[in-house]
Each structure stands twice: as C-alpha cells, then as structure tokens.
Amino acid sequence: MKLVLDDDQRGLRDAVRSFLGAASPLPKVREGYDPGVYARFNGELGASGLIVPEEHGGAGAGFAELAVLLEETGAALLPGPFLATVFATIALTRMPPDKELLGGVAEGRTVATLALPPSQAVAARVRGEGAAVTGTLERVLGGAEASVLLVPARAEDGTEDGAEDGAEDGVVMTAVDLTGPGVTRTPLETLDLTRGQAGVTLDGARGRVLGPAPDVADLLCVALAAEQLGVMRAALDAIVAYAKVRVAFGRYIGSYQGVKHRLADMHAKLEQAESIVRYAAWAADEAPDELPGAAALAQAYVGRACFEVARDHLLLHGGIGFTWEHDAHLYYKRAKADEVLLGPPRVHRARLARLLEL
C-alpha cells in the first residue's frame, strides 16, 4: 500500500493547483460554470482524459492520480460538470470501449454525466446498438450542461435484447443524446451554487447501447471522497490563515484555547481523511477485493468529516462567516451537497458494518 504521493503525482497536483488558482479563483467561482475555463482545463491539462486509456486519447492514469486531481478541483470549488464527467468516465472505462465517447471526453469535446445510483433503470426499446429511451430522472448531476447522459435501461415488453448484450439481468448502459429530441431538462434549485443539477425526462430519446451496465458505486465513492478531501484542506487552510490575523479583545484569535483546540481537531480529521482516501484510491487500482470496504469507509468517514470541517470553518470566522459576501458558505454548501450525493453517511456506515460482519 502506498499513502505518499510520488514525484509525478506531486507534479500533477502542482500543475492543477496553479491552473485553477489563475483560471478559476474564488471570486470567479461565484459566477458559476464557465465553458471557457472548462475547455482550457481539459485541453491544456487533459483533465477529463486522465483515466481514459491511451489508445483512446487519454493519459491512461489510475485512481491514485485521479484522486490527486479531484482533491485540487475540490479545494478550488471548481464550478460546473467536471465531477459529473468524471463519474461518467469511470463507467465508460468499465465497459466495452466506445471510441467515439471516450475520444470526445478525453479531448474535452463531450460533457457527459451519469445517472447516479440508486436510480432505477429507465425503459428502452433496444434495437441492435440503438435504443429509444423513456423515463424520468429526478436529479442528474450536471444535467443542464451535459450533452450525453449514461443511464441504465431495461428492455421493454420482456424482449431479450438486453441479455444478448451480455447483461444477465437485461439491464444495459445506454448513452442518451441530451441535445436531441425527446429530452426535457429542468434545472433544479440546489444548495450548492457552484454545481447544478437538473431533472431529466426522456420520451423516446435517442440513445446507443454501450454494453452491460457496470457496478461502479464503489469507484464513485472513492472519487467523491477525493474531492471532499480537497474541500476539507482548503477550508482548514483558510481558517488557519484567518486565525493568525484576526484580533479580538487585543489578541489574535488563534491564541485562544477554544480556537486552537478546534483547529487541532479539524487538522486531525483532515489527516485521517487523507489516509482513508489514499488507501481507497490504492485499493481501486491495486486491490479490488479491498475496494468495497475502502469505499464504504471513505464515504462513512470523509463525507461527515468534510461537512464538520466546513461547518467549523464557517463558525470560527464569526459574524463575517455568515455573510453572503464571504466565501465560507461556498465551502459549507459544497460539503453538505457532497455529503449526501451518494447517500448519507449512515448508509455507508451500515454497509461497512455488513462487510465487517459487525
């Protein structure tokens, strides 16, 4: 097991941090999704193609590298559909290769998203590699910005087309063109102002069958935990810096025990979270038998710890932290939205307990 970044991973971290610091600083984050920044991020750094195989135009990296990248996008609160595209890419790399989609994602031309579990499979009339997809998805991450939606679909009328595609339960993964006919998207009002969601209604929408629907829930948990680690680190760095300069009653607030002890607790949570995320990323790459437990642990611990650090970061700023003008609420809202994105921590704790036979 390897919990320390190597030289290449540190180089990746520094490059992503430098780019986002210049192209997407916090004042710009408030403006929301900028397709220009997204295009540069994927074009100049190849971010969206990081885990895409080299033969399809990507870097062919593993989850250890993906975790490094997502930690930095989390710290920068990068707005837009990047995490949604990462989720979709994870699913794509676990299915028979689709050169068109993988190439588009790797080049940054295609913004994709994935119907997140526990979404039920929608209905589809499957004809060969084509499908007419019908159903309603209440919440789709990045659904308003994405051009392609990956969604599990079950063949209608008891047809066996799904089984012929290698899916034991008749459920196949379809790639739906969200820009085509039969698609209605309704942007949702969300807690996290930096990352949108949309309700998506499909009425015979045009799609393609990619193959059996893979089980990628554990891998999504690892990817999300990496982003949460970045949110934690940035929130802690911000409040430590503030505690060093804010004066109250003639003393820097960082000199008060009530603040020092809280900061120490936050730092301890961050250190534990980093070890958990590094372990989970290693398991995703090297130890698939350990991945279910590592993924459940990541969301059971990191999800809640991220929110607690973001909450205390806001509280320790005092009155200014509660204002709309301060950035503390951006971290708070991202942390809470991430905490429940793949199910609340209690769901993952229960799964971890089952895996450990407790």
Protein backbone atom coordinates (compact mmCIF):
# COMPACT_ATOMS: atom_id res chain seq x y z
CA MET A 1 0.00 0.00 0.00
CA LYS A 2 1.25 3.48 -0.89
CA LEU A 3 -0.09 6.50 1.00
CA VAL A 4 2.53 9.08 -0.02
CA LEU A 5 2.45 10.90 -3.36
CA ASP A 6 5.31 10.23 -5.76
CA ASP A 7 7.08 12.86 -7.84
CA ASP A 8 4.73 12.55 -10.81
CA GLN A 9 1.66 12.87 -8.61
CA ARG A 10 3.08 15.92 -6.85
CA GLY A 11 3.79 17.43 -10.26
CA LEU A 12 0.19 16.79 -11.31
CA ARG A 13 -1.06 18.36 -8.07
CA ASP A 14 1.07 21.47 -8.55
CA ALA A 15 0.04 21.90 -12.19
CA VAL A 16 -3.68 21.61 -11.43
CA ARG A 17 -3.41 23.87 -8.39
CA SER A 18 -1.56 26.53 -10.37
CA PHE A 19 -4.03 26.42 -13.26
CA LEU A 20 -7.14 26.64 -11.10
CA GLY A 21 -5.64 29.35 -8.93
CA ALA A 22 -5.18 31.52 -12.01
CA ALA A 23 -8.17 30.50 -14.15
CA SER A 24 -10.83 29.85 -11.50
CA PRO A 25 -10.14 31.80 -8.28
CA LEU A 26 -12.92 32.03 -5.70
CA PRO A 27 -14.30 35.37 -6.96
CA LYS A 28 -14.81 33.72 -10.38
CA VAL A 29 -16.32 30.61 -8.78
CA ARG A 30 -19.25 32.77 -7.70
CA GLU A 31 -20.00 33.45 -11.37
CA GLY A 32 -20.73 29.76 -11.93
CA TYR A 33 -19.83 27.41 -14.74
CA ASP A 34 -17.58 28.90 -17.42
CA PRO A 35 -17.32 26.69 -20.54
CA GLY A 36 -14.13 28.52 -21.50
CA VAL A 37 -12.36 27.55 -18.28
CA TYR A 38 -13.69 24.01 -18.62
CA ALA A 39 -12.33 23.78 -22.18
CA ARG A 40 -8.92 25.08 -21.12
CA PHE A 41 -8.79 22.77 -18.12
CA ASN A 42 -9.40 19.75 -20.29
CA GLY A 43 -7.41 20.99 -23.27
CA GLU A 44 -4.27 22.29 -21.57
CA LEU A 45 -4.10 19.77 -18.72
CA GLY A 46 -6.01 16.86 -20.24
CA ALA A 47 -8.02 16.64 -17.02
CA SER A 48 -11.10 14.90 -18.41
CA GLY A 49 -8.94 12.31 -20.16
CA LEU A 50 -6.78 11.45 -17.16
CA ILE A 51 -8.16 7.92 -16.67
CA VAL A 52 -9.14 7.35 -20.32
CA PRO A 53 -6.89 4.68 -21.88
CA GLU A 54 -4.06 5.98 -24.03
CA GLU A 55 -5.37 4.24 -27.14
CA HIS A 56 -8.46 6.45 -26.93
CA GLY A 57 -6.59 9.71 -26.46
CA GLY A 58 -6.30 9.80 -22.68
CA ALA A 59 -3.43 9.57 -20.22
CA GLY A 60 -4.25 6.07 -19.00
CA ALA A 61 -3.69 7.05 -15.37
CA GLY A 62 -5.14 5.30 -12.34
CA PHE A 63 -7.29 6.26 -9.40
CA ALA A 64 -4.29 7.42 -7.39
CA GLU A 65 -3.74 10.18 -9.95
CA LEU A 66 -7.46 10.87 -10.30
CA ALA A 67 -7.69 11.37 -6.53
CA VAL A 68 -4.90 13.94 -6.69
CA LEU A 69 -6.71 15.86 -9.43
CA LEU A 70 -10.10 15.76 -7.71
CA GLU A 71 -8.59 16.93 -4.44
CA GLU A 72 -7.48 20.09 -6.22
CA THR A 73 -10.79 20.68 -8.01
CA GLY A 74 -12.50 20.28 -4.64
CA ALA A 75 -10.16 22.74 -2.96
CA ALA A 76 -10.81 25.25 -5.73
CA LEU A 77 -14.58 24.57 -5.66
CA LEU A 78 -14.40 24.24 -9.42
CA PRO A 79 -17.90 25.01 -10.72
CA GLY A 80 -19.61 23.08 -13.47
CA PRO A 81 -19.96 19.47 -14.60
CA PHE A 82 -16.40 18.19 -14.15
CA LEU A 83 -17.25 15.71 -11.39
CA ALA A 84 -20.25 14.51 -13.39
CA THR A 85 -17.99 13.84 -16.37
CA VAL A 86 -15.52 12.01 -14.12
CA PHE A 87 -18.35 9.78 -12.91
CA ALA A 88 -19.40 9.07 -16.49
CA THR A 89 -15.80 8.35 -17.50
CA ILE A 90 -15.42 5.86 -14.66
CA ALA A 91 -18.43 3.98 -16.03
CA LEU A 92 -17.16 4.18 -19.61
CA THR A 93 -13.80 2.68 -18.67
CA ARG A 94 -15.57 -0.29 -17.07
CA MET A 95 -17.46 -1.24 -20.24
CA PRO A 96 -16.54 -2.37 -23.75
CA PRO A 97 -14.63 0.57 -25.28
CA ASP A 98 -16.69 3.18 -27.10
CA LYS A 99 -14.13 5.06 -29.18
CA GLU A 100 -16.45 7.95 -30.02
CA LEU A 101 -17.43 8.73 -26.44
CA LEU A 102 -14.04 8.08 -24.87
CA GLY A 103 -12.31 10.18 -27.51
CA GLY A 104 -14.78 13.04 -27.06
CA VAL A 105 -14.36 13.01 -23.29
CA ALA A 106 -10.57 12.80 -23.50
CA GLU A 107 -10.42 15.79 -25.83
CA GLY A 108 -12.88 17.80 -23.73
CA ARG A 109 -15.42 17.95 -26.57
CA THR A 110 -18.02 15.85 -24.77
CA VAL A 111 -19.55 16.80 -21.44
CA ALA A 112 -21.04 13.61 -20.07
CA THR A 113 -22.92 12.69 -16.92
CA LEU A 114 -24.07 9.51 -15.24
CA ALA A 115 -27.41 8.60 -13.69
CA LEU A 116 -26.28 8.07 -10.11
CA PRO A 117 -27.25 5.05 -8.06
CA PRO A 118 -29.72 4.17 -6.68
CA SER A 119 -31.50 5.47 -9.81
CA GLN A 120 -33.82 2.84 -11.25
CA ALA A 121 -33.22 1.74 -14.80
CA VAL A 122 -35.42 3.53 -17.29
CA ALA A 123 -37.25 1.72 -20.07
CA ALA A 124 -35.80 1.33 -23.54
CA ARG A 125 -36.80 -0.24 -26.81
CA VAL A 126 -33.49 -1.78 -27.83
CA ARG A 127 -32.80 -2.49 -31.48
CA GLY A 128 -29.25 -3.63 -32.04
CA GLU A 129 -26.96 -0.87 -30.82
CA GLY A 130 -29.73 1.74 -30.90
CA ALA A 131 -32.33 2.45 -28.26
CA ALA A 132 -35.34 4.69 -27.71
CA VAL A 133 -35.17 5.55 -24.01
CA THR A 134 -38.15 6.58 -21.88
CA GLY A 135 -38.23 7.51 -18.21
CA THR A 136 -37.80 10.26 -15.65
CA LEU A 137 -34.70 11.01 -13.59
CA GLU A 138 -35.43 13.40 -10.75
CA ARG A 139 -31.84 14.54 -10.17
CA VAL A 140 -28.98 14.41 -12.66
CA LEU A 141 -25.66 15.91 -11.64
CA GLY A 142 -24.60 18.37 -14.34
CA GLY A 143 -27.77 17.53 -16.23
CA ALA A 144 -28.21 21.05 -17.58
CA GLU A 145 -24.68 21.30 -19.02
CA ALA A 146 -24.05 17.75 -20.23
CA SER A 147 -24.57 16.65 -23.82
CA VAL A 148 -24.54 12.91 -23.09
CA LEU A 149 -26.26 11.00 -20.30
CA LEU A 150 -25.20 7.48 -19.37
CA VAL A 151 -28.21 5.72 -17.89
CA PRO A 152 -29.01 2.05 -17.23
CA ALA A 153 -32.01 0.89 -19.27
CA ARG A 154 -34.16 -2.23 -19.17
CA ALA A 155 -35.66 -3.61 -22.38
CA GLU A 156 -39.45 -3.23 -22.59
CA ASP A 157 -42.07 -5.87 -23.25
CA GLY A 158 -39.90 -8.73 -21.99
CA THR A 159 -37.59 -8.64 -25.01
CA GLU A 160 -34.27 -10.39 -24.67
CA ASP A 161 -32.19 -7.76 -26.40
CA GLY A 162 -30.56 -6.81 -23.10
CA ALA A 163 -29.48 -10.37 -22.40
CA GLU A 164 -28.00 -10.61 -25.87
CA ASP A 165 -25.79 -7.66 -24.99
CA GLY A 166 -24.28 -9.65 -22.12
CA ALA A 167 -26.36 -8.23 -19.27
CA GLU A 168 -27.55 -11.05 -17.02
CA ASP A 169 -30.50 -9.03 -15.71
CA GLY A 170 -31.40 -7.49 -19.05
CA VAL A 171 -30.11 -4.04 -17.97
CA VAL A 172 -27.73 -2.31 -20.35
CA MET A 173 -25.97 1.03 -20.20
CA THR A 174 -27.24 3.49 -22.77
CA ALA A 175 -25.72 6.76 -23.89
CA VAL A 176 -28.54 9.25 -24.44
CA ASP A 177 -28.09 12.35 -26.59
CA LEU A 178 -29.36 15.12 -24.30
CA THR A 179 -29.35 17.62 -27.17
CA GLY A 180 -31.69 15.55 -29.33
CA PRO A 181 -35.47 15.18 -29.50
CA GLY A 182 -37.45 13.55 -26.72
CA VAL A 183 -35.41 15.16 -23.94
CA THR A 184 -36.75 17.69 -21.44
CA ARG A 185 -34.35 19.18 -18.91
CA THR A 186 -35.47 21.21 -15.91
CA PRO A 187 -32.72 22.98 -13.94
CA LEU A 188 -33.16 22.50 -10.19
CA GLU A 189 -32.56 24.97 -7.39
CA THR A 190 -29.75 23.37 -5.41
CA LEU A 191 -27.93 24.09 -2.17
CA ASP A 192 -24.53 24.11 -3.86
CA LEU A 193 -24.48 27.21 -6.02
CA THR A 194 -21.34 26.11 -7.84
CA ARG A 195 -22.64 22.85 -9.28
CA GLY A 196 -26.04 22.40 -10.83
CA GLN A 197 -28.43 19.51 -11.16
CA ALA A 198 -31.41 19.02 -13.43
CA GLY A 199 -34.47 16.86 -13.70
CA VAL A 200 -34.40 14.93 -16.97
CA THR A 201 -37.45 13.46 -18.70
CA LEU A 202 -36.84 11.09 -21.60
CA ASP A 203 -39.64 10.37 -24.07
CA GLY A 204 -38.27 8.03 -26.68
CA ALA A 205 -34.94 9.86 -26.57
CA ARG A 206 -32.27 8.68 -28.97
CA GLY A 207 -29.60 6.52 -27.36
CA ARG A 208 -26.95 3.91 -28.03
CA VAL A 209 -26.36 0.65 -26.20
CA LEU A 210 -22.83 0.55 -24.76
CA GLY A 211 -22.94 -2.84 -23.08
CA PRO A 212 -23.86 -4.35 -19.71
CA ALA A 213 -24.38 -1.74 -17.01
CA PRO A 214 -21.29 -1.91 -14.73
CA ASP A 215 -21.39 -1.64 -10.96
CA VAL A 216 -19.25 1.42 -10.29
CA ALA A 217 -20.77 2.58 -7.00
CA ASP A 218 -17.57 1.90 -5.04
CA LEU A 219 -15.43 3.77 -7.54
CA LEU A 220 -17.78 6.77 -7.41
CA CYS A 221 -17.46 6.80 -3.62
CA VAL A 222 -13.67 6.96 -3.91
CA ALA A 223 -13.77 9.78 -6.46
CA LEU A 224 -16.20 11.83 -4.37
CA ALA A 225 -14.11 11.31 -1.22
CA ALA A 226 -11.09 12.71 -3.04
CA GLU A 227 -13.00 15.88 -3.84
CA GLN A 228 -14.20 16.11 -0.24
CA LEU A 229 -10.61 15.85 0.96
CA GLY A 230 -9.77 18.93 -1.11
CA VAL A 231 -12.73 20.86 0.32
CA MET A 232 -11.54 19.99 3.83
CA ARG A 233 -7.98 21.06 3.18
CA ALA A 234 -8.94 24.40 1.63
CA ALA A 235 -11.41 25.19 4.42
CA LEU A 236 -8.84 24.42 7.11
CA ASP A 237 -6.13 26.44 5.36
CA ALA A 238 -8.48 29.42 5.12
CA ILE A 239 -9.48 29.47 8.78
CA VAL A 240 -5.90 28.91 10.00
CA ALA A 241 -4.80 31.91 7.94
CA TYR A 242 -7.67 33.97 9.35
CA ALA A 243 -6.88 32.97 12.95
CA LYS A 244 -3.36 34.33 12.51
CA VAL A 245 -4.51 37.85 11.59
CA ARG A 246 -7.89 38.38 13.26
CA VAL A 247 -7.62 40.30 16.52
CA ALA A 248 -10.32 40.17 19.21
CA PHE A 249 -10.01 41.73 22.67
CA GLY A 250 -6.43 42.69 21.91
CA ARG A 251 -5.28 39.17 20.98
CA TYR A 252 -5.07 37.11 17.82
CA ILE A 253 -7.97 34.68 17.95
CA GLY A 254 -5.58 31.83 17.18
CA SER A 255 -4.08 32.29 20.64
CA TYR A 256 -7.33 31.37 22.41
CA GLN A 257 -7.63 27.74 23.52
CA GLY A 258 -11.19 27.48 22.24
CA VAL A 259 -9.93 28.25 18.74
CA LYS A 260 -6.63 26.36 18.92
CA HIS A 261 -8.26 23.16 20.10
CA ARG A 262 -10.94 23.36 17.41
CA LEU A 263 -8.30 23.86 14.72
CA ALA A 264 -6.34 20.89 16.07
CA ASP A 265 -9.45 18.71 15.89
CA MET A 266 -10.05 19.84 12.30
CA HIS A 267 -6.45 19.01 11.40
CA ALA A 268 -6.77 15.54 12.94
CA LYS A 269 -9.88 14.87 10.84
CA LEU A 270 -8.03 16.00 7.73
CA GLU A 271 -5.09 13.69 8.41
CA GLN A 272 -7.38 10.70 8.92
CA ALA A 273 -9.36 11.58 5.80
CA GLU A 274 -6.22 11.79 3.69
CA SER A 275 -5.07 8.34 4.79
CA ILE A 276 -8.50 6.90 4.03
CA VAL A 277 -8.66 8.49 0.58
CA ARG A 278 -5.13 7.39 -0.36
CA TYR A 279 -5.93 3.86 0.79
CA ALA A 280 -9.21 3.79 -1.14
CA ALA A 281 -7.52 5.07 -4.32
CA TRP A 282 -4.81 2.42 -3.94
CA ALA A 283 -7.47 -0.26 -3.49
CA ALA A 284 -9.26 0.92 -6.64
CA ASP A 285 -6.02 0.45 -8.60
CA GLU A 286 -4.34 -2.50 -6.93
CA ALA A 287 -6.65 -4.39 -4.57
CA PRO A 288 -10.20 -4.83 -5.91
CA ASP A 289 -11.02 -7.26 -3.10
CA GLU A 290 -10.44 -4.47 -0.57
CA LEU A 291 -12.28 -1.81 -2.57
CA PRO A 292 -15.83 -2.32 -1.18
CA GLY A 293 -14.69 -1.81 2.39
CA ALA A 294 -12.37 1.05 1.49
CA ALA A 295 -15.11 2.83 -0.48
CA ALA A 296 -17.68 2.41 2.30
CA LEU A 297 -15.16 3.69 4.85
CA ALA A 298 -14.34 6.67 2.62
CA GLN A 299 -17.93 7.88 2.48
CA ALA A 300 -18.79 6.87 6.05
CA TYR A 301 -15.92 8.94 7.45
CA VAL A 302 -14.80 11.52 4.89
CA GLY A 303 -18.29 12.70 3.95
CA ARG A 304 -19.20 13.64 7.51
CA ALA A 305 -15.72 14.91 8.39
CA CYS A 306 -15.73 17.22 5.37
CA PHE A 307 -19.00 18.78 6.44
CA GLU A 308 -17.85 19.18 10.05
CA VAL A 309 -14.63 20.92 8.98
CA ALA A 310 -16.52 23.22 6.59
CA ARG A 311 -19.08 23.98 9.32
CA ASP A 312 -16.42 24.83 11.92
CA HIS A 313 -14.53 26.86 9.32
CA LEU A 314 -17.64 28.99 8.89
CA LEU A 315 -18.32 29.29 12.63
CA LEU A 316 -14.77 30.26 13.55
CA HIS A 317 -14.92 33.16 11.12
CA GLY A 318 -17.51 34.67 13.43
CA GLY A 319 -20.17 37.02 12.12
CA ILE A 320 -18.45 37.67 8.80
CA GLY A 321 -18.56 33.95 8.01
CA PHE A 322 -22.36 34.08 7.89
CA THR A 323 -22.48 36.83 5.28
CA TRP A 324 -23.27 36.30 1.62
CA GLU A 325 -20.11 38.15 0.65
CA HIS A 326 -17.77 35.73 2.45
CA ASP A 327 -16.60 32.52 0.81
CA ALA A 328 -17.22 30.34 3.87
CA HIS A 329 -20.77 29.49 2.80
CA LEU A 330 -19.48 28.17 -0.53
CA TYR A 331 -17.38 25.53 1.23
CA TYR A 332 -20.22 24.77 3.64
CA LYS A 333 -22.72 24.20 0.85
CA ARG A 334 -20.36 22.12 -1.30
CA ALA A 335 -19.54 19.97 1.75
CA LYS A 336 -23.19 19.34 2.60
CA ALA A 337 -24.16 18.65 -1.02
CA ASP A 338 -21.27 16.18 -1.38
CA GLU A 339 -22.10 14.50 1.93
CA VAL A 340 -25.47 13.28 0.64
CA LEU A 341 -24.71 13.00 -3.09
CA LEU A 342 -24.19 9.23 -2.98
CA GLY A 343 -26.34 8.66 0.07
CA PRO A 344 -25.95 9.96 3.63
CA PRO A 345 -23.08 8.65 5.81
CA ARG A 346 -25.41 6.31 7.75
CA VAL A 347 -25.98 4.29 4.56
CA HIS A 348 -22.25 3.78 4.10
CA ARG A 349 -21.72 3.04 7.80
CA ALA A 350 -24.36 0.33 7.62
CA ARG A 351 -22.72 -1.16 4.53
CA LEU A 352 -19.29 -1.07 6.16
CA ALA A 353 -20.72 -2.84 9.21
CA ARG A 354 -22.15 -5.57 6.98
CA LEU A 355 -18.84 -6.00 5.17
CA LEU A 356 -17.05 -6.32 8.51
CA GLU A 357 -19.76 -8.71 9.75
CA LEU A 358 -20.49 -6.49 12.73
